[in-house]
Amino acid sequence: MSTEVKETEDLEIIKATDVKIFPDRILKPATTEILLNQILALDGILRVLINGDSLPDVAMYGPAKGTKVNHTDRKTINVKGNDVPLRVSVGEIILTVNLDNLEDFVEEVNEILDQTLNFGYDLKVGIFTKTRTSVSDYMKYGKDFEDRIDARLIGLVDPNAKSADTIRYIR
């Protein structure tokens, strides 16, 4: 019986779900810019996460430690009129979406991907991001932080990283 209550509580907390785009290839900055601008024009998006291998400014280890890294994919893209520096090679995009229009949203994203990408991709619906506060959140924001920050930030940031370096608000 306690399991039923727990499931009901979870349904009340989670009012959105994630849509994960996993292309068969690493996306170039120009392709990423086109995709993000087209996808962010759709209704119902709460947040967008871009994941991939890091593109550091400076080599952090090895014989070249401390020297500048000149990677061709480390560029600044323009998303909805905002300049966003790419700090990763885009290997996946996770969109958090309202449950209200999920089916229509997935169809529209599929159309955008078919038109933009000339290679395969996987599109999955599920929960791929944290939905509850974690120890890392308490390390980053301190005690009783839930009312002081935007709920979309929960579970997103490394406790040792500066939020300004890893999060961009695009409205």
N, C-alpha and C. Protein backbone atom coordinates (compact mmCIF):
# COMPACT_ATOMS: atom_id res chain seq x y z
N MET A 1 0.82 -1.19 0.00
CA MET A 1 0.00 0.00 0.00
C MET A 1 0.87 1.26 0.00
N SER A 2 1.97 1.23 0.71
CA SER A 2 2.85 2.39 0.72
C SER A 2 3.45 2.63 -0.66
N THR A 3 3.60 1.59 -1.45
CA THR A 3 4.13 1.74 -2.81
C THR A 3 3.18 2.57 -3.67
N GLU A 4 1.88 2.34 -3.51
CA GLU A 4 0.90 3.09 -4.29
C GLU A 4 0.97 4.58 -3.96
N VAL A 5 1.12 4.92 -2.69
CA VAL A 5 1.23 6.32 -2.29
C VAL A 5 2.48 6.93 -2.90
N LYS A 6 3.58 6.19 -2.86
CA LYS A 6 4.85 6.68 -3.39
C LYS A 6 4.71 6.97 -4.89
N GLU A 7 4.09 6.06 -5.64
CA GLU A 7 3.91 6.28 -7.08
C GLU A 7 3.05 7.51 -7.35
N THR A 8 2.01 7.73 -6.54
CA THR A 8 1.17 8.90 -6.71
C THR A 8 1.95 10.17 -6.44
N GLU A 9 2.80 10.16 -5.41
CA GLU A 9 3.61 11.33 -5.10
C GLU A 9 4.54 11.65 -6.26
N ASP A 10 5.16 10.63 -6.84
CA ASP A 10 6.07 10.84 -7.96
C ASP A 10 5.34 11.44 -9.15
N LEU A 11 4.13 11.01 -9.41
CA LEU A 11 3.37 11.55 -10.54
C LEU A 11 3.06 13.02 -10.33
N GLU A 12 2.86 13.42 -9.08
CA GLU A 12 2.58 14.83 -8.81
C GLU A 12 3.84 15.68 -8.98
N ILE A 13 4.98 15.13 -8.65
CA ILE A 13 6.23 15.88 -8.74
C ILE A 13 6.65 16.05 -10.20
N ILE A 14 6.60 14.99 -10.97
CA ILE A 14 7.07 15.01 -12.34
C ILE A 14 5.92 15.47 -13.25
N LYS A 15 6.03 16.71 -13.73
CA LYS A 15 5.01 17.26 -14.61
C LYS A 15 5.53 17.36 -16.03
N ALA A 16 6.71 16.84 -16.23
CA ALA A 16 7.35 16.90 -17.53
C ALA A 16 8.13 15.61 -17.74
N THR A 17 8.54 15.41 -18.97
CA THR A 17 9.39 14.27 -19.29
C THR A 17 10.49 14.74 -20.21
N ASP A 18 11.44 13.88 -20.44
CA ASP A 18 12.58 14.22 -21.28
C ASP A 18 12.48 13.55 -22.63
N VAL A 19 12.99 14.23 -23.63
CA VAL A 19 13.13 13.68 -24.98
C VAL A 19 14.62 13.75 -25.29
N LYS A 20 15.21 12.58 -25.54
CA LYS A 20 16.65 12.51 -25.79
C LYS A 20 16.91 12.29 -27.27
N ILE A 21 17.71 13.19 -27.83
CA ILE A 21 18.14 13.08 -29.23
C ILE A 21 19.58 12.59 -29.21
N PHE A 22 19.81 11.43 -29.79
CA PHE A 22 21.14 10.85 -29.82
C PHE A 22 21.53 10.60 -31.27
N PRO A 23 22.22 11.57 -31.90
CA PRO A 23 22.60 11.41 -33.30
C PRO A 23 23.69 10.34 -33.46
N ASP A 24 23.75 9.73 -34.64
CA ASP A 24 24.76 8.70 -34.92
C ASP A 24 26.16 9.28 -35.05
N ARG A 25 26.26 10.59 -35.20
CA ARG A 25 27.55 11.28 -35.31
C ARG A 25 27.59 12.47 -34.36
N ILE A 26 28.81 12.93 -34.08
CA ILE A 26 28.97 14.16 -33.31
C ILE A 26 28.51 15.32 -34.18
N LEU A 27 27.73 16.24 -33.61
CA LEU A 27 27.20 17.36 -34.38
C LEU A 27 28.22 18.49 -34.47
N LYS A 28 28.34 19.07 -35.64
CA LYS A 28 29.17 20.25 -35.85
C LYS A 28 28.44 21.45 -35.24
N PRO A 29 29.17 22.51 -34.92
CA PRO A 29 28.52 23.70 -34.33
C PRO A 29 27.40 24.28 -35.21
N ALA A 30 27.61 24.33 -36.51
CA ALA A 30 26.58 24.90 -37.40
C ALA A 30 25.30 24.06 -37.37
N THR A 31 25.44 22.76 -37.36
CA THR A 31 24.27 21.88 -37.30
C THR A 31 23.58 22.01 -35.95
N THR A 32 24.36 22.10 -34.89
CA THR A 32 23.80 22.27 -33.55
C THR A 32 22.99 23.56 -33.47
N GLU A 33 23.53 24.63 -34.03
CA GLU A 33 22.84 25.93 -34.02
C GLU A 33 21.51 25.84 -34.76
N ILE A 34 21.51 25.23 -35.93
CA ILE A 34 20.27 25.09 -36.71
C ILE A 34 19.25 24.27 -35.94
N LEU A 35 19.68 23.13 -35.42
CA LEU A 35 18.76 22.26 -34.67
C LEU A 35 18.16 22.96 -33.46
N LEU A 36 19.02 23.57 -32.66
CA LEU A 36 18.52 24.22 -31.44
C LEU A 36 17.55 25.35 -31.75
N ASN A 37 17.85 26.15 -32.75
CA ASN A 37 16.93 27.25 -33.10
C ASN A 37 15.58 26.72 -33.57
N GLN A 38 15.58 25.65 -34.35
CA GLN A 38 14.31 25.10 -34.83
C GLN A 38 13.54 24.43 -33.70
N ILE A 39 14.25 23.70 -32.84
CA ILE A 39 13.58 23.00 -31.75
C ILE A 39 13.07 23.98 -30.70
N LEU A 40 13.85 25.01 -30.38
CA LEU A 40 13.41 25.98 -29.37
C LEU A 40 12.24 26.84 -29.84
N ALA A 41 11.93 26.80 -31.13
CA ALA A 41 10.75 27.52 -31.63
C ALA A 41 9.46 26.76 -31.31
N LEU A 42 9.58 25.50 -30.90
CA LEU A 42 8.41 24.69 -30.56
C LEU A 42 7.91 25.03 -29.17
N ASP A 43 6.63 24.77 -28.93
CA ASP A 43 6.03 25.03 -27.62
C ASP A 43 6.27 23.87 -26.66
N GLY A 44 6.38 24.20 -25.37
CA GLY A 44 6.42 23.18 -24.34
C GLY A 44 7.79 22.82 -23.80
N ILE A 45 8.84 23.46 -24.27
CA ILE A 45 10.18 23.12 -23.78
C ILE A 45 10.45 23.85 -22.47
N LEU A 46 10.90 23.10 -21.47
CA LEU A 46 11.23 23.68 -20.17
C LEU A 46 12.73 23.93 -20.05
N ARG A 47 13.55 23.00 -20.57
CA ARG A 47 14.99 23.19 -20.56
C ARG A 47 15.64 22.30 -21.60
N VAL A 48 16.86 22.67 -21.97
CA VAL A 48 17.63 21.93 -22.97
C VAL A 48 19.02 21.67 -22.38
N LEU A 49 19.46 20.42 -22.47
CA LEU A 49 20.80 20.06 -22.01
C LEU A 49 21.57 19.54 -23.21
N ILE A 50 22.80 20.00 -23.33
CA ILE A 50 23.67 19.54 -24.41
C ILE A 50 24.81 18.77 -23.75
N ASN A 51 25.00 17.52 -24.15
CA ASN A 51 26.03 16.69 -23.57
C ASN A 51 27.02 16.23 -24.63
N GLY A 52 28.24 16.01 -24.19
CA GLY A 52 29.28 15.50 -25.08
C GLY A 52 30.64 15.63 -24.43
N ASP A 53 31.66 15.26 -25.17
CA ASP A 53 33.03 15.37 -24.66
C ASP A 53 33.42 16.84 -24.55
N SER A 54 34.17 17.14 -23.51
CA SER A 54 34.60 18.50 -23.24
C SER A 54 35.55 19.02 -24.30
N LEU A 55 35.42 20.32 -24.59
CA LEU A 55 36.35 21.03 -25.47
C LEU A 55 37.03 22.11 -24.64
N PRO A 56 38.08 21.74 -23.90
CA PRO A 56 38.70 22.70 -22.99
C PRO A 56 39.48 23.79 -23.71
N ASP A 57 39.65 24.93 -23.04
CA ASP A 57 40.49 26.02 -23.55
C ASP A 57 41.97 25.66 -23.44
N VAL A 58 42.29 24.99 -22.33
CA VAL A 58 43.68 24.69 -22.01
C VAL A 58 43.80 23.21 -21.68
N ALA A 59 44.88 22.56 -22.13
CA ALA A 59 45.12 21.16 -21.79
C ALA A 59 45.31 21.04 -20.28
N MET A 60 44.56 20.15 -19.66
CA MET A 60 44.59 20.03 -18.21
C MET A 60 45.61 19.01 -17.71
N TYR A 61 46.07 18.12 -18.59
CA TYR A 61 47.04 17.11 -18.17
C TYR A 61 47.82 16.64 -19.39
N GLY A 62 48.84 15.83 -19.12
CA GLY A 62 49.68 15.33 -20.20
C GLY A 62 50.85 16.25 -20.48
N PRO A 63 51.63 15.91 -21.50
CA PRO A 63 52.83 16.70 -21.80
C PRO A 63 52.52 18.14 -22.25
N ALA A 64 51.32 18.37 -22.75
CA ALA A 64 50.95 19.72 -23.21
C ALA A 64 50.19 20.50 -22.14
N LYS A 65 50.24 20.03 -20.92
CA LYS A 65 49.49 20.67 -19.83
C LYS A 65 49.78 22.17 -19.78
N GLY A 66 48.69 22.95 -19.76
CA GLY A 66 48.80 24.40 -19.67
C GLY A 66 48.84 25.12 -21.00
N THR A 67 48.96 24.38 -22.10
CA THR A 67 48.97 25.03 -23.41
C THR A 67 47.56 25.16 -23.95
N LYS A 68 47.36 26.15 -24.79
CA LYS A 68 46.05 26.43 -25.37
C LYS A 68 45.64 25.32 -26.34
N VAL A 69 44.38 24.91 -26.27
CA VAL A 69 43.82 23.91 -27.17
C VAL A 69 43.06 24.65 -28.27
N ASN A 70 43.42 24.40 -29.50
CA ASN A 70 42.78 25.06 -30.63
C ASN A 70 41.90 24.05 -31.36
N HIS A 71 40.72 23.78 -30.82
CA HIS A 71 39.80 22.81 -31.42
C HIS A 71 38.84 23.53 -32.36
N THR A 72 38.65 22.99 -33.54
CA THR A 72 37.81 23.66 -34.55
C THR A 72 36.34 23.73 -34.16
N ASP A 73 35.88 22.82 -33.29
CA ASP A 73 34.47 22.82 -32.90
C ASP A 73 34.17 23.70 -31.69
N ARG A 74 35.19 24.30 -31.09
CA ARG A 74 34.94 25.19 -29.95
C ARG A 74 34.61 26.57 -30.51
N LYS A 75 33.33 26.78 -30.74
CA LYS A 75 32.86 28.02 -31.34
C LYS A 75 31.71 28.58 -30.52
N THR A 76 31.32 29.78 -30.85
CA THR A 76 30.14 30.39 -30.24
C THR A 76 29.02 30.31 -31.26
N ILE A 77 27.90 29.72 -30.82
CA ILE A 77 26.74 29.63 -31.71
C ILE A 77 25.69 30.63 -31.23
N ASN A 78 24.77 30.98 -32.13
CA ASN A 78 23.71 31.91 -31.80
C ASN A 78 22.40 31.14 -31.69
N VAL A 79 21.83 31.12 -30.50
CA VAL A 79 20.58 30.40 -30.25
C VAL A 79 19.54 31.41 -29.77
N LYS A 80 18.52 31.60 -30.57
CA LYS A 80 17.44 32.55 -30.26
C LYS A 80 17.99 33.93 -29.94
N GLY A 81 18.99 34.37 -30.68
CA GLY A 81 19.56 35.70 -30.50
C GLY A 81 20.59 35.81 -29.39
N ASN A 82 20.92 34.72 -28.74
CA ASN A 82 21.90 34.70 -27.66
C ASN A 82 23.15 33.97 -28.11
N ASP A 83 24.31 34.54 -27.83
CA ASP A 83 25.56 33.88 -28.13
C ASP A 83 25.86 32.85 -27.04
N VAL A 84 26.06 31.60 -27.47
CA VAL A 84 26.32 30.51 -26.54
C VAL A 84 27.62 29.83 -26.94
N PRO A 85 28.65 29.91 -26.09
CA PRO A 85 29.90 29.22 -26.41
C PRO A 85 29.74 27.72 -26.24
N LEU A 86 30.11 26.97 -27.26
CA LEU A 86 30.06 25.51 -27.16
C LEU A 86 31.29 25.04 -26.40
N ARG A 87 31.07 24.35 -25.32
CA ARG A 87 32.16 23.83 -24.50
C ARG A 87 32.26 22.32 -24.61
N VAL A 88 31.38 21.71 -25.43
CA VAL A 88 31.39 20.27 -25.64
C VAL A 88 31.19 19.95 -27.12
N SER A 89 31.69 18.79 -27.53
CA SER A 89 31.34 18.25 -28.85
C SER A 89 29.95 17.64 -28.67
N VAL A 90 28.97 18.14 -29.37
CA VAL A 90 27.58 17.76 -29.10
C VAL A 90 27.32 16.33 -29.54
N GLY A 91 27.12 15.46 -28.54
CA GLY A 91 26.86 14.05 -28.78
C GLY A 91 25.43 13.66 -28.48
N GLU A 92 24.75 14.46 -27.67
CA GLU A 92 23.33 14.22 -27.39
C GLU A 92 22.69 15.51 -26.89
N ILE A 93 21.40 15.60 -27.13
CA ILE A 93 20.62 16.74 -26.67
C ILE A 93 19.44 16.18 -25.90
N ILE A 94 19.24 16.69 -24.69
CA ILE A 94 18.10 16.26 -23.87
C ILE A 94 17.18 17.46 -23.69
N LEU A 95 15.92 17.26 -24.07
CA LEU A 95 14.91 18.31 -23.97
C LEU A 95 13.92 17.91 -22.89
N THR A 96 13.70 18.78 -21.92
CA THR A 96 12.66 18.55 -20.92
C THR A 96 11.41 19.26 -21.41
N VAL A 97 10.31 18.48 -21.51
CA VAL A 97 9.11 18.95 -22.20
C VAL A 97 7.89 18.74 -21.31
N ASN A 98 6.92 19.68 -21.41
CA ASN A 98 5.63 19.50 -20.73
C ASN A 98 4.96 18.24 -21.24
N LEU A 99 4.29 17.54 -20.34
CA LEU A 99 3.59 16.32 -20.74
C LEU A 99 2.35 16.61 -21.59
N ASP A 100 1.83 17.83 -21.52
CA ASP A 100 0.58 18.16 -22.20
C ASP A 100 0.62 17.89 -23.70
N ASN A 101 1.69 18.28 -24.35
CA ASN A 101 1.75 18.15 -25.81
C ASN A 101 2.90 17.26 -26.26
N LEU A 102 3.17 16.20 -25.52
CA LEU A 102 4.34 15.36 -25.77
C LEU A 102 4.30 14.69 -27.14
N GLU A 103 3.18 14.08 -27.50
CA GLU A 103 3.10 13.36 -28.78
C GLU A 103 3.32 14.29 -29.97
N ASP A 104 2.67 15.44 -29.96
CA ASP A 104 2.85 16.41 -31.04
C ASP A 104 4.29 16.91 -31.08
N PHE A 105 4.86 17.15 -29.91
CA PHE A 105 6.22 17.65 -29.82
C PHE A 105 7.20 16.64 -30.43
N VAL A 106 7.05 15.37 -30.09
CA VAL A 106 7.96 14.33 -30.61
C VAL A 106 7.84 14.24 -32.13
N GLU A 107 6.64 14.33 -32.66
CA GLU A 107 6.46 14.30 -34.12
C GLU A 107 7.15 15.48 -34.79
N GLU A 108 7.00 16.67 -34.20
CA GLU A 108 7.63 17.87 -34.78
C GLU A 108 9.16 17.78 -34.71
N VAL A 109 9.69 17.27 -33.60
CA VAL A 109 11.14 17.11 -33.48
C VAL A 109 11.65 16.10 -34.49
N ASN A 110 10.92 15.01 -34.69
CA ASN A 110 11.29 14.02 -35.70
C ASN A 110 11.38 14.64 -37.09
N GLU A 111 10.41 15.48 -37.43
CA GLU A 111 10.41 16.16 -38.73
C GLU A 111 11.63 17.08 -38.86
N ILE A 112 11.94 17.83 -37.80
CA ILE A 112 13.09 18.73 -37.82
C ILE A 112 14.38 17.93 -38.02
N LEU A 113 14.50 16.83 -37.29
CA LEU A 113 15.71 16.00 -37.39
C LEU A 113 15.84 15.39 -38.77
N ASP A 114 14.74 14.92 -39.33
CA ASP A 114 14.78 14.34 -40.68
C ASP A 114 15.21 15.36 -41.72
N GLN A 115 14.76 16.60 -41.57
CA GLN A 115 15.10 17.66 -42.53
C GLN A 115 16.54 18.14 -42.35
N THR A 116 17.03 18.16 -41.12
CA THR A 116 18.34 18.77 -40.82
C THR A 116 19.50 17.78 -40.92
N LEU A 117 19.31 16.57 -40.42
CA LEU A 117 20.40 15.60 -40.38
C LEU A 117 20.37 14.69 -41.60
N ASN A 118 21.54 14.44 -42.18
CA ASN A 118 21.61 13.51 -43.31
C ASN A 118 22.20 12.17 -42.87
N PHE A 119 22.04 11.86 -41.58
CA PHE A 119 22.48 10.59 -41.02
C PHE A 119 21.46 10.19 -39.95
N GLY A 120 21.62 9.02 -39.40
CA GLY A 120 20.65 8.48 -38.46
C GLY A 120 20.72 9.10 -37.07
N TYR A 121 19.72 8.83 -36.30
CA TYR A 121 19.63 9.30 -34.92
C TYR A 121 18.63 8.45 -34.17
N ASP A 122 18.73 8.47 -32.86
CA ASP A 122 17.74 7.83 -31.99
C ASP A 122 17.01 8.93 -31.24
N LEU A 123 15.72 8.76 -31.10
CA LEU A 123 14.89 9.70 -30.34
C LEU A 123 14.14 8.89 -29.30
N LYS A 124 14.42 9.16 -28.03
CA LYS A 124 13.80 8.39 -26.96
C LYS A 124 13.08 9.32 -26.00
N VAL A 125 11.99 8.83 -25.44
CA VAL A 125 11.21 9.57 -24.45
C VAL A 125 11.33 8.84 -23.13
N GLY A 126 11.63 9.57 -22.08
CA GLY A 126 11.78 8.98 -20.76
C GLY A 126 12.26 10.04 -19.79
N ILE A 127 12.84 9.59 -18.68
CA ILE A 127 13.40 10.52 -17.71
C ILE A 127 14.90 10.30 -17.70
N PHE A 128 15.64 11.28 -18.22
CA PHE A 128 17.09 11.19 -18.34
C PHE A 128 17.82 12.20 -17.46
N THR A 129 17.08 13.01 -16.74
CA THR A 129 17.67 14.01 -15.86
C THR A 129 17.14 13.80 -14.45
N LYS A 130 17.81 14.37 -13.49
CA LYS A 130 17.37 14.26 -12.10
C LYS A 130 16.08 15.04 -11.90
N THR A 131 15.18 14.47 -11.13
CA THR A 131 13.91 15.13 -10.87
C THR A 131 13.77 15.55 -9.41
N ARG A 132 14.73 15.14 -8.60
CA ARG A 132 14.71 15.49 -7.18
C ARG A 132 16.05 16.06 -6.77
N THR A 133 16.06 16.75 -5.66
CA THR A 133 17.31 17.32 -5.18
C THR A 133 18.27 16.21 -4.79
N SER A 134 19.56 16.49 -4.94
CA SER A 134 20.59 15.51 -4.62
C SER A 134 21.60 16.13 -3.66
N VAL A 135 22.53 15.32 -3.20
CA VAL A 135 23.58 15.81 -2.31
C VAL A 135 24.38 16.91 -3.01
N SER A 136 24.63 16.75 -4.31
CA SER A 136 25.38 17.76 -5.06
C SER A 136 24.67 19.11 -5.04
N ASP A 137 23.34 19.09 -5.10
CA ASP A 137 22.57 20.35 -5.04
C ASP A 137 22.79 21.04 -3.69
N TYR A 138 22.79 20.27 -2.61
CA TYR A 138 23.01 20.86 -1.29
C TYR A 138 24.44 21.38 -1.16
N MET A 139 25.39 20.68 -1.78
CA MET A 139 26.78 21.15 -1.74
C MET A 139 26.93 22.47 -2.50
N LYS A 140 26.21 22.59 -3.60
CA LYS A 140 26.32 23.77 -4.45
C LYS A 140 25.58 24.97 -3.86
N TYR A 141 24.34 24.75 -3.41
CA TYR A 141 23.47 25.86 -3.04
C TYR A 141 23.26 26.04 -1.54
N GLY A 142 23.64 25.06 -0.73
CA GLY A 142 23.48 25.18 0.72
C GLY A 142 22.14 24.67 1.21
N LYS A 143 21.92 24.84 2.48
CA LYS A 143 20.71 24.35 3.12
C LYS A 143 19.49 25.20 2.74
N ASP A 144 18.34 24.57 2.60
CA ASP A 144 17.08 25.25 2.31
C ASP A 144 17.16 26.13 1.05
N PHE A 145 17.73 25.60 0.00
CA PHE A 145 17.91 26.38 -1.23
C PHE A 145 16.72 26.29 -2.18
N GLU A 146 15.82 25.35 -1.96
CA GLU A 146 14.77 25.04 -2.93
C GLU A 146 13.93 26.25 -3.34
N ASP A 147 13.67 27.17 -2.42
CA ASP A 147 12.85 28.34 -2.73
C ASP A 147 13.67 29.50 -3.30
N ARG A 148 15.00 29.39 -3.26
CA ARG A 148 15.86 30.47 -3.71
C ARG A 148 16.34 30.35 -5.14
N ILE A 149 16.23 29.17 -5.74
CA ILE A 149 16.73 28.99 -7.10
C ILE A 149 15.63 28.51 -8.02
N ASP A 150 15.87 28.64 -9.29
CA ASP A 150 14.95 28.13 -10.32
C ASP A 150 14.94 26.61 -10.25
N ALA A 151 13.77 26.00 -10.19
CA ALA A 151 13.64 24.54 -10.07
C ALA A 151 14.29 23.80 -11.24
N ARG A 152 14.44 24.46 -12.38
CA ARG A 152 15.06 23.81 -13.54
C ARG A 152 16.55 23.56 -13.33
N LEU A 153 17.15 24.19 -12.33
CA LEU A 153 18.59 24.02 -12.07
C LEU A 153 18.90 22.81 -11.20
N ILE A 154 17.89 22.21 -10.59
CA ILE A 154 18.12 21.09 -9.68
C ILE A 154 18.75 19.93 -10.43
N GLY A 155 19.87 19.46 -9.91
CA GLY A 155 20.54 18.29 -10.46
C GLY A 155 21.38 18.54 -11.69
N LEU A 156 21.62 19.78 -12.06
CA LEU A 156 22.32 20.05 -13.31
C LEU A 156 23.79 20.39 -13.18
N VAL A 157 24.22 20.88 -12.04
CA VAL A 157 25.54 21.50 -11.98
C VAL A 157 26.48 20.74 -11.06
N ASP A 158 27.72 20.67 -11.48
CA ASP A 158 28.79 20.15 -10.65
C ASP A 158 28.96 21.10 -9.46
N PRO A 159 29.02 20.59 -8.23
CA PRO A 159 29.12 21.47 -7.07
C PRO A 159 30.34 22.37 -7.08
N ASN A 160 31.41 21.96 -7.79
CA ASN A 160 32.63 22.76 -7.81
C ASN A 160 32.69 23.73 -8.99
N ALA A 161 31.77 23.61 -9.94
CA ALA A 161 31.79 24.47 -11.12
C ALA A 161 31.03 25.76 -10.86
N LYS A 162 31.40 26.79 -11.59
CA LYS A 162 30.66 28.04 -11.52
C LYS A 162 29.45 27.92 -12.45
N SER A 163 28.27 28.25 -11.94
CA SER A 163 27.05 28.14 -12.74
C SER A 163 27.15 28.98 -14.01
N ALA A 164 27.80 30.12 -13.93
CA ALA A 164 27.92 31.01 -15.09
C ALA A 164 28.71 30.34 -16.22
N ASP A 165 29.58 29.40 -15.88
CA ASP A 165 30.37 28.71 -16.89
C ASP A 165 29.62 27.57 -17.56
N THR A 166 28.60 27.02 -16.91
CA THR A 166 27.96 25.83 -17.43
C THR A 166 26.48 25.99 -17.79
N ILE A 167 25.87 27.09 -17.37
CA ILE A 167 24.43 27.28 -17.62
C ILE A 167 24.22 28.59 -18.38
N ARG A 168 23.39 28.53 -19.41
CA ARG A 168 23.00 29.73 -20.16
C ARG A 168 21.48 29.80 -20.19
N TYR A 169 20.94 30.95 -19.78
CA TYR A 169 19.51 31.17 -19.89
C TYR A 169 19.21 31.74 -21.26
N ILE A 170 18.33 31.07 -21.98
CA ILE A 170 17.91 31.55 -23.30
C ILE A 170 16.41 31.67 -23.24
N ARG A 171 15.94 32.85 -23.47
CA ARG A 171 14.48 33.08 -23.39
C ARG A 171 13.93 33.44 -24.73
